[in-house]
Amino acid sequence: MSECEKIPCDQVIAKLWEYVDDEIVEDRRERVEAHLDICARCFPEYDFRRAYLRFVQRASGQCIPPGLRQRVFETILQEERKLRVPES
């Protein structure tokens, strides 16, 4: 059994953000890379995440319109209020 066959697709997908962010340990990195080199199922997911990360990095230098910033902040507050558990 080759090294790339030793790591199943679900484990590769679970580690893709760490891999894309370059925060994965070296031995796992090699196994993920070997898997991505041959796996037609996992590579598109990796390619999407890599493209998404590049988009976010480029967009992070742009100004966020104040109205959008306020709507995002208000939505976060609403969600946090829903998650709060009443004290007994």
PDB file of N, CA and C in Angstrom:
ATOM      1  N   MET A   1       0.845  -1.174   0.000  1.00  0.00           N
ATOM      2  CA  MET A   1       0.000   0.000   0.000  1.00  0.00           C
ATOM      3  C   MET A   1       0.893   1.240   0.000  1.00  0.00           C
ATOM      4  N   SER A   2       0.619   2.183  -0.901  1.00  0.00           N
ATOM      5  CA  SER A   2       1.429   3.399  -0.963  1.00  0.00           C
ATOM      6  C   SER A   2       1.045   4.348   0.165  1.00  0.00           C
ATOM      7  N   GLU A   3       1.918   5.316   0.427  1.00  0.00           N
ATOM      8  CA  GLU A   3       1.703   6.282   1.507  1.00  0.00           C
ATOM      9  C   GLU A   3       0.413   7.074   1.312  1.00  0.00           C
ATOM     10  N   CYS A   4       0.107   7.446   0.074  1.00  0.00           N
ATOM     11  CA  CYS A   4      -1.092   8.249  -0.171  1.00  0.00           C
ATOM     12  C   CYS A   4      -2.369   7.449   0.046  1.00  0.00           C
ATOM     13  N   GLU A   5      -2.301   6.142  -0.041  1.00  0.00           N
ATOM     14  CA  GLU A   5      -3.468   5.320   0.216  1.00  0.00           C
ATOM     15  C   GLU A   5      -3.725   5.153   1.707  1.00  0.00           C
ATOM     16  N   LYS A   6      -2.784   5.506   2.533  1.00  0.00           N
ATOM     17  CA  LYS A   6      -2.933   5.322   3.970  1.00  0.00           C
ATOM     18  C   LYS A   6      -3.775   6.399   4.634  1.00  0.00           C
ATOM     19  N   ILE A   7      -4.038   7.506   3.963  1.00  0.00           N
ATOM     20  CA  ILE A   7      -4.846   8.563   4.547  1.00  0.00           C
ATOM     21  C   ILE A   7      -6.138   8.674   3.743  1.00  0.00           C
ATOM     22  N   PRO A   8      -7.279   8.424   4.380  1.00  0.00           N
ATOM     23  CA  PRO A   8      -8.552   8.453   3.665  1.00  0.00           C
ATOM     24  C   PRO A   8      -8.998   9.881   3.326  1.00  0.00           C
ATOM     25  N   CYS A   9      -9.872   9.969   2.341  1.00  0.00           N
ATOM     26  CA  CYS A   9     -10.350  11.266   1.863  1.00  0.00           C
ATOM     27  C   CYS A   9     -10.935  12.128   2.986  1.00  0.00           C
ATOM     28  N   ASP A  10     -11.729  11.538   3.873  1.00  0.00           N
ATOM     29  CA  ASP A  10     -12.351  12.342   4.923  1.00  0.00           C
ATOM     30  C   ASP A  10     -11.300  12.987   5.831  1.00  0.00           C
ATOM     31  N   GLN A  11     -10.194  12.314   6.069  1.00  0.00           N
ATOM     32  CA  GLN A  11      -9.129  12.902   6.879  1.00  0.00           C
ATOM     33  C   GLN A  11      -8.397  14.012   6.123  1.00  0.00           C
ATOM     34  N   VAL A  12      -8.246  13.837   4.818  1.00  0.00           N
ATOM     35  CA  VAL A  12      -7.618  14.882   4.002  1.00  0.00           C
ATOM     36  C   VAL A  12      -8.497  16.129   4.013  1.00  0.00           C
ATOM     37  N   ILE A  13      -9.774  15.951   3.762  1.00  0.00           N
ATOM     38  CA  ILE A  13     -10.709  17.088   3.739  1.00  0.00           C
ATOM     39  C   ILE A  13     -10.713  17.794   5.095  1.00  0.00           C
ATOM     40  N   ALA A  14     -10.661  17.024   6.184  1.00  0.00           N
ATOM     41  CA  ALA A  14     -10.656  17.622   7.527  1.00  0.00           C
ATOM     42  C   ALA A  14      -9.404  18.451   7.795  1.00  0.00           C
ATOM     43  N   LYS A  15      -8.318  18.155   7.106  1.00  0.00           N
ATOM     44  CA  LYS A  15      -7.047  18.863   7.330  1.00  0.00           C
ATOM     45  C   LYS A  15      -6.748  19.921   6.271  1.00  0.00           C
ATOM     46  N   LEU A  16      -7.645  20.123   5.314  1.00  0.00           N
ATOM     47  CA  LEU A  16      -7.336  21.032   4.208  1.00  0.00           C
ATOM     48  C   LEU A  16      -7.085  22.469   4.634  1.00  0.00           C
ATOM     49  N   TRP A  17      -7.869  23.009   5.575  1.00  0.00           N
ATOM     50  CA  TRP A  17      -7.621  24.396   5.986  1.00  0.00           C
ATOM     51  C   TRP A  17      -6.262  24.523   6.643  1.00  0.00           C
ATOM     52  N   GLU A  18      -5.897  23.566   7.469  1.00  0.00           N
ATOM     53  CA  GLU A  18      -4.558  23.590   8.081  1.00  0.00           C
ATOM     54  C   GLU A  18      -3.490  23.524   6.997  1.00  0.00           C
ATOM     55  N   TYR A  19      -3.716  22.706   5.992  1.00  0.00           N
ATOM     56  CA  TYR A  19      -2.765  22.555   4.900  1.00  0.00           C
ATOM     57  C   TYR A  19      -2.655  23.861   4.103  1.00  0.00           C
ATOM     58  N   VAL A  20      -3.790  24.417   3.723  1.00  0.00           N
ATOM     59  CA  VAL A  20      -3.805  25.655   2.936  1.00  0.00           C
ATOM     60  C   VAL A  20      -3.185  26.806   3.727  1.00  0.00           C
ATOM     61  N   ASP A  21      -3.437  26.849   5.031  1.00  0.00           N
ATOM     62  CA  ASP A  21      -2.895  27.907   5.883  1.00  0.00           C
ATOM     63  C   ASP A  21      -1.451  27.663   6.291  1.00  0.00           C
ATOM     64  N   ASP A  22      -0.883  26.554   5.845  1.00  0.00           N
ATOM     65  CA  ASP A  22       0.496  26.176   6.175  1.00  0.00           C
ATOM     66  C   ASP A  22       0.691  26.020   7.689  1.00  0.00           C
ATOM     67  N   GLU A  23      -0.300  25.419   8.328  1.00  0.00           N
ATOM     68  CA  GLU A  23      -0.257  25.196   9.775  1.00  0.00           C
ATOM     69  C   GLU A  23      -0.308  23.708  10.112  1.00  0.00           C
ATOM     70  N   ILE A  24       0.016  22.875   9.170  1.00  0.00           N
ATOM     71  CA  ILE A  24      -0.075  21.432   9.359  1.00  0.00           C
ATOM     72  C   ILE A  24       1.324  20.880   9.669  1.00  0.00           C
ATOM     73  N   VAL A  25       1.392  19.864  10.493  1.00  0.00           N
ATOM     74  CA  VAL A  25       2.689  19.273  10.828  1.00  0.00           C
ATOM     75  C   VAL A  25       3.286  18.606   9.590  1.00  0.00           C
ATOM     76  N   GLU A  26       4.597  18.554   9.529  1.00  0.00           N
ATOM     77  CA  GLU A  26       5.311  18.145   8.313  1.00  0.00           C
ATOM     78  C   GLU A  26       4.951  16.738   7.829  1.00  0.00           C
ATOM     79  N   ASP A  27       4.890  15.761   8.727  1.00  0.00           N
ATOM     80  CA  ASP A  27       4.585  14.405   8.260  1.00  0.00           C
ATOM     81  C   ASP A  27       3.173  14.309   7.694  1.00  0.00           C
ATOM     82  N   ARG A  28       2.242  15.017   8.286  1.00  0.00           N
ATOM     83  CA  ARG A  28       0.865  15.034   7.777  1.00  0.00           C
ATOM     84  C   ARG A  28       0.810  15.786   6.447  1.00  0.00           C
ATOM     85  N   ARG A  29       1.603  16.867   6.318  1.00  0.00           N
ATOM     86  CA  ARG A  29       1.657  17.648   5.083  1.00  0.00           C
ATOM     87  C   ARG A  29       2.037  16.748   3.902  1.00  0.00           C
ATOM     88  N   GLU A  30       3.071  15.948   4.098  1.00  0.00           N
ATOM     89  CA  GLU A  30       3.538  15.071   3.028  1.00  0.00           C
ATOM     90  C   GLU A  30       2.464  14.071   2.616  1.00  0.00           C
ATOM     91  N   ARG A  31       1.757  13.541   3.591  1.00  0.00           N
ATOM     92  CA  ARG A  31       0.707  12.568   3.296  1.00  0.00           C
ATOM     93  C   ARG A  31      -0.466  13.224   2.568  1.00  0.00           C
ATOM     94  N   VAL A  32      -0.836  14.433   3.005  1.00  0.00           N
ATOM     95  CA  VAL A  32      -1.924  15.160   2.344  1.00  0.00           C
ATOM     96  C   VAL A  32      -1.523  15.498   0.909  1.00  0.00           C
ATOM     97  N   GLU A  33      -0.302  15.988   0.711  1.00  0.00           N
ATOM     98  CA  GLU A  33       0.172  16.317  -0.641  1.00  0.00           C
ATOM     99  C   GLU A  33       0.157  15.095  -1.558  1.00  0.00           C
ATOM    100  N   ALA A  34       0.639  13.977  -1.051  1.00  0.00           N
ATOM    101  CA  ALA A  34       0.654  12.749  -1.851  1.00  0.00           C
ATOM    102  C   ALA A  34      -0.769  12.343  -2.233  1.00  0.00           C
ATOM    103  N   HIS A  35      -1.684  12.490  -1.300  1.00  0.00           N
ATOM    104  CA  HIS A  35      -3.079  12.144  -1.561  1.00  0.00           C
ATOM    105  C   HIS A  35      -3.673  13.087  -2.607  1.00  0.00           C
ATOM    106  N   LEU A  36      -3.440  14.391  -2.455  1.00  0.00           N
ATOM    107  CA  LEU A  36      -3.986  15.372  -3.394  1.00  0.00           C
ATOM    108  C   LEU A  36      -3.443  15.180  -4.806  1.00  0.00           C
ATOM    109  N   ASP A  37      -2.216  14.687  -4.900  1.00  0.00           N
ATOM    110  CA  ASP A  37      -1.603  14.458  -6.211  1.00  0.00           C
ATOM    111  C   ASP A  37      -2.348  13.418  -7.037  1.00  0.00           C
ATOM    112  N   ILE A  38      -3.030  12.493  -6.364  1.00  0.00           N
ATOM    113  CA  ILE A  38      -3.685  11.412  -7.106  1.00  0.00           C
ATOM    114  C   ILE A  38      -5.203  11.370  -6.964  1.00  0.00           C
ATOM    115  N   CYS A  39      -5.770  12.152  -6.048  1.00  0.00           N
ATOM    116  CA  CYS A  39      -7.195  12.016  -5.746  1.00  0.00           C
ATOM    117  C   CYS A  39      -8.042  13.051  -6.496  1.00  0.00           C
ATOM    118  N   ALA A  40      -8.841  12.581  -7.415  1.00  0.00           N
ATOM    119  CA  ALA A  40      -9.711  13.459  -8.202  1.00  0.00           C
ATOM    120  C   ALA A  40     -10.867  13.999  -7.361  1.00  0.00           C
ATOM    121  N   ARG A  41     -11.168  13.360  -6.263  1.00  0.00           N
ATOM    122  CA  ARG A  41     -12.265  13.810  -5.394  1.00  0.00           C
ATOM    123  C   ARG A  41     -11.807  14.946  -4.485  1.00  0.00           C
ATOM    124  N   CYS A  42     -10.623  14.842  -3.916  1.00  0.00           N
ATOM    125  CA  CYS A  42     -10.156  15.816  -2.930  1.00  0.00           C
ATOM    126  C   CYS A  42      -9.505  17.046  -3.557  1.00  0.00           C
ATOM    127  N   PHE A  43      -8.850  16.881  -4.697  1.00  0.00           N
ATOM    128  CA  PHE A  43      -8.126  18.012  -5.265  1.00  0.00           C
ATOM    129  C   PHE A  43      -9.028  19.201  -5.576  1.00  0.00           C
ATOM    130  N   PRO A  44     -10.224  19.029  -6.149  1.00  0.00           N
ATOM    131  CA  PRO A  44     -11.077  20.205  -6.395  1.00  0.00           C
ATOM    132  C   PRO A  44     -11.436  20.954  -5.107  1.00  0.00           C
ATOM    133  N   GLU A  45     -11.636  20.232  -4.024  1.00  0.00           N
ATOM    134  CA  GLU A  45     -11.924  20.864  -2.731  1.00  0.00           C
ATOM    135  C   GLU A  45     -10.722  21.690  -2.277  1.00  0.00           C
ATOM    136  N   TYR A  46      -9.542  21.147  -2.417  1.00  0.00           N
ATOM    137  CA  TYR A  46      -8.315  21.867  -2.086  1.00  0.00           C
ATOM    138  C   TYR A  46      -8.163  23.098  -2.974  1.00  0.00           C
ATOM    139  N   ASP A  47      -8.384  22.933  -4.257  1.00  0.00           N
ATOM    140  CA  ASP A  47      -8.243  24.029  -5.203  1.00  0.00           C
ATOM    141  C   ASP A  47      -9.209  25.159  -4.864  1.00  0.00           C
ATOM    142  N   PHE A  48     -10.453  24.816  -4.496  1.00  0.00           N
ATOM    143  CA  PHE A  48     -11.433  25.828  -4.106  1.00  0.00           C
ATOM    144  C   PHE A  48     -10.970  26.572  -2.858  1.00  0.00           C
ATOM    145  N   ARG A  49     -10.532  25.849  -1.846  1.00  0.00           N
ATOM    146  CA  ARG A  49     -10.109  26.492  -0.602  1.00  0.00           C
ATOM    147  C   ARG A  49      -8.901  27.393  -0.818  1.00  0.00           C
ATOM    148  N   ARG A  50      -7.984  26.954  -1.650  1.00  0.00           N
ATOM    149  CA  ARG A  50      -6.808  27.770  -1.952  1.00  0.00           C
ATOM    150  C   ARG A  50      -7.230  29.053  -2.673  1.00  0.00           C
ATOM    151  N   ALA A  51      -8.137  28.938  -3.644  1.00  0.00           N
ATOM    152  CA  ALA A  51      -8.627  30.111  -4.379  1.00  0.00           C
ATOM    153  C   ALA A  51      -9.397  31.037  -3.445  1.00  0.00           C
ATOM    154  N   TYR A  52     -10.193  30.463  -2.557  1.00  0.00           N
ATOM    155  CA  TYR A  52     -10.954  31.265  -1.595  1.00  0.00           C
ATOM    156  C   TYR A  52     -10.011  32.043  -0.679  1.00  0.00           C
ATOM    157  N   LEU A  53      -8.973  31.395  -0.202  1.00  0.00           N
ATOM    158  CA  LEU A  53      -8.003  32.056   0.665  1.00  0.00           C
ATOM    159  C   LEU A  53      -7.332  33.218  -0.064  1.00  0.00           C
ATOM    160  N   ARG A  54      -6.950  33.017  -1.313  1.00  0.00           N
ATOM    161  CA  ARG A  54      -6.340  34.096  -2.098  1.00  0.00           C
ATOM    162  C   ARG A  54      -7.313  35.256  -2.262  1.00  0.00           C
ATOM    163  N   PHE A  55      -8.591  34.956  -2.522  1.00  0.00           N
ATOM    164  CA  PHE A  55      -9.605  35.999  -2.651  1.00  0.00           C
ATOM    165  C   PHE A  55      -9.730  36.796  -1.358  1.00  0.00           C
ATOM    166  N   VAL A  56      -9.810  36.106  -0.234  1.00  0.00           N
ATOM    167  CA  VAL A  56      -9.943  36.780   1.062  1.00  0.00           C
ATOM    168  C   VAL A  56      -8.721  37.651   1.340  1.00  0.00           C
ATOM    169  N   GLN A  57      -7.536  37.155   1.029  1.00  0.00           N
ATOM    170  CA  GLN A  57      -6.326  37.938   1.241  1.00  0.00           C
ATOM    171  C   GLN A  57      -6.327  39.200   0.392  1.00  0.00           C
ATOM    172  N   ARG A  58      -6.745  39.085  -0.864  1.00  0.00           N
ATOM    173  CA  ARG A  58      -6.811  40.273  -1.728  1.00  0.00           C
ATOM    174  C   ARG A  58      -7.877  41.242  -1.241  1.00  0.00           C
ATOM    175  N   ALA A  59      -9.028  40.719  -0.856  1.00  0.00           N
ATOM    176  CA  ALA A  59     -10.148  41.562  -0.439  1.00  0.00           C
ATOM    177  C   ALA A  59      -9.906  42.211   0.916  1.00  0.00           C
ATOM    178  N   SER A  60      -9.037  41.639   1.726  1.00  0.00           N
ATOM    179  CA  SER A  60      -8.815  42.186   3.067  1.00  0.00           C
ATOM    180  C   SER A  60      -8.172  43.561   3.027  1.00  0.00           C
ATOM    181  N   GLY A  61      -7.547  43.927   1.927  1.00  0.00           N
ATOM    182  CA  GLY A  61      -6.941  45.247   1.808  1.00  0.00           C
ATOM    183  C   GLY A  61      -7.932  46.321   1.397  1.00  0.00           C
ATOM    184  N   GLN A  62      -9.146  45.925   1.067  1.00  0.00           N
ATOM    185  CA  GLN A  62     -10.161  46.884   0.635  1.00  0.00           C
ATOM    186  C   GLN A  62     -10.977  47.353   1.826  1.00  0.00           C
ATOM    187  N   CYS A  63     -11.486  48.577   1.725  1.00  0.00           N
ATOM    188  CA  CYS A  63     -12.328  49.130   2.790  1.00  0.00           C
ATOM    189  C   CYS A  63     -13.701  48.466   2.768  1.00  0.00           C
ATOM    190  N   ILE A  64     -14.209  48.229   3.948  1.00  0.00           N
ATOM    191  CA  ILE A  64     -15.542  47.651   4.089  1.00  0.00           C
ATOM    192  C   ILE A  64     -16.522  48.813   4.256  1.00  0.00           C
ATOM    193  N   PRO A  65     -17.577  48.843   3.467  1.00  0.00           N
ATOM    194  CA  PRO A  65     -18.567  49.922   3.608  1.00  0.00           C
ATOM    195  C   PRO A  65     -19.146  49.929   5.022  1.00  0.00           C
ATOM    196  N   PRO A  66     -19.314  51.123   5.618  1.00  0.00           N
ATOM    197  CA  PRO A  66     -19.821  51.198   7.003  1.00  0.00           C
ATOM    198  C   PRO A  66     -21.156  50.496   7.201  1.00  0.00           C
ATOM    199  N   GLY A  67     -22.056  50.577   6.243  1.00  0.00           N
ATOM    200  CA  GLY A  67     -23.356  49.918   6.373  1.00  0.00           C
ATOM    201  C   GLY A  67     -23.219  48.409   6.469  1.00  0.00           C
ATOM    202  N   LEU A  68     -22.321  47.856   5.679  1.00  0.00           N
ATOM    203  CA  LEU A  68     -22.089  46.414   5.720  1.00  0.00           C
ATOM    204  C   LEU A  68     -21.484  46.014   7.054  1.00  0.00           C
ATOM    205  N   ARG A  69     -20.513  46.761   7.517  1.00  0.00           N
ATOM    206  CA  ARG A  69     -19.873  46.473   8.803  1.00  0.00           C
ATOM    207  C   ARG A  69     -20.916  46.473   9.918  1.00  0.00           C
ATOM    208  N   GLN A  70     -21.821  47.455   9.893  1.00  0.00           N
ATOM    209  CA  GLN A  70     -22.855  47.548  10.932  1.00  0.00           C
ATOM    210  C   GLN A  70     -23.805  46.358  10.857  1.00  0.00           C
ATOM    211  N   ARG A  71     -24.227  45.967   9.634  1.00  0.00           N
ATOM    212  CA  ARG A  71     -25.146  44.826   9.496  1.00  0.00           C
ATOM    213  C   ARG A  71     -24.507  43.539   9.991  1.00  0.00           C
ATOM    214  N   VAL A  72     -23.231  43.350   9.673  1.00  0.00           N
ATOM    215  CA  VAL A  72     -22.525  42.147  10.132  1.00  0.00           C
ATOM    216  C   VAL A  72     -22.455  42.143  11.655  1.00  0.00           C
ATOM    217  N   PHE A  73     -22.100  43.267  12.245  1.00  0.00           N
ATOM    218  CA  PHE A  73     -21.995  43.370  13.703  1.00  0.00           C
ATOM    219  C   PHE A  73     -23.345  43.099  14.362  1.00  0.00           C
ATOM    220  N   GLU A  74     -24.419  43.679  13.831  1.00  0.00           N
ATOM    221  CA  GLU A  74     -25.756  43.463  14.394  1.00  0.00           C
ATOM    222  C   GLU A  74     -26.181  41.998  14.271  1.00  0.00           C
ATOM    223  N   THR A  75     -25.846  41.364  13.162  1.00  0.00           N
ATOM    224  CA  THR A  75     -26.177  39.949  12.981  1.00  0.00           C
ATOM    225  C   THR A  75     -25.438  39.080  13.987  1.00  0.00           C
ATOM    226  N   ILE A  76     -24.175  39.390  14.219  1.00  0.00           N
ATOM    227  CA  ILE A  76     -23.400  38.643  15.216  1.00  0.00           C
ATOM    228  C   ILE A  76     -24.016  38.788  16.590  1.00  0.00           C
ATOM    229  N   LEU A  77     -24.396  40.013  16.955  1.00  0.00           N
ATOM    230  CA  LEU A  77     -25.028  40.233  18.264  1.00  0.00           C
ATOM    231  C   LEU A  77     -26.342  39.465  18.383  1.00  0.00           C
ATOM    232  N   GLN A  78     -27.145  39.462  17.331  1.00  0.00           N
ATOM    233  CA  GLN A  78     -28.407  38.717  17.361  1.00  0.00           C
ATOM    234  C   GLN A  78     -28.164  37.225  17.555  1.00  0.00           C
ATOM    235  N   GLU A  79     -27.181  36.681  16.849  1.00  0.00           N
ATOM    236  CA  GLU A  79     -26.863  35.265  16.980  1.00  0.00           C
ATOM    237  C   GLU A  79     -26.356  34.937  18.378  1.00  0.00           C
ATOM    238  N   GLU A  80     -25.555  35.813  18.950  1.00  0.00           N
ATOM    239  CA  GLU A  80     -25.055  35.576  20.305  1.00  0.00           C
ATOM    240  C   GLU A  80     -26.192  35.610  21.317  1.00  0.00           C
ATOM    241  N   ARG A  81     -27.154  36.494  21.119  1.00  0.00           N
ATOM    242  CA  ARG A  81     -28.299  36.546  22.034  1.00  0.00           C
ATOM    243  C   ARG A  81     -29.095  35.250  21.969  1.00  0.00           C
ATOM    244  N   LYS A  82     -29.232  34.676  20.780  1.00  0.00           N
ATOM    245  CA  LYS A  82     -29.960  33.408  20.620  1.00  0.00           C
ATOM    246  C   LYS A  82     -29.234  32.265  21.315  1.00  0.00           C
ATOM    247  N   LEU A  83     -27.922  32.308  21.349  1.00  0.00           N
ATOM    248  CA  LEU A  83     -27.139  31.219  21.917  1.00  0.00           C
ATOM    249  C   LEU A  83     -27.018  31.289  23.436  1.00  0.00           C
ATOM    250  N   ARG A  84     -27.284  32.451  24.000  1.00  0.00           N
ATOM    251  CA  ARG A  84     -27.158  32.578  25.455  1.00  0.00           C
ATOM    252  C   ARG A  84     -28.161  31.701  26.166  1.00  0.00           C
ATOM    253  N   VAL A  85     -27.689  31.039  27.173  1.00  0.00           N
ATOM    254  CA  VAL A  85     -28.533  30.170  27.983  1.00  0.00           C
ATOM    255  C   VAL A  85     -28.984  30.977  29.199  1.00  0.00           C
ATOM    256  N   PRO A  86     -30.288  31.038  29.458  1.00  0.00           N
ATOM    257  CA  PRO A  86     -30.745  31.798  30.641  1.00  0.00           C
ATOM    258  C   PRO A  86     -30.189  31.170  31.927  1.00  0.00           C
ATOM    259  N   GLU A  87     -29.791  32.047  32.833  1.00  0.00           N
ATOM    260  CA  GLU A  87     -29.248  31.556  34.112  1.00  0.00           C
ATOM    261  C   GLU A  87     -30.390  31.046  34.967  1.00  0.00           C
ATOM    262  N   SER A  88     -30.148  29.941  35.686  1.00  0.00           N
ATOM    263  CA  SER A  88     -31.194  29.365  36.538  1.00  0.00           C
ATOM    264  C   SER A  88     -30.960  29.747  37.966  1.00  0.00           C
TER     265      SER A  88
END
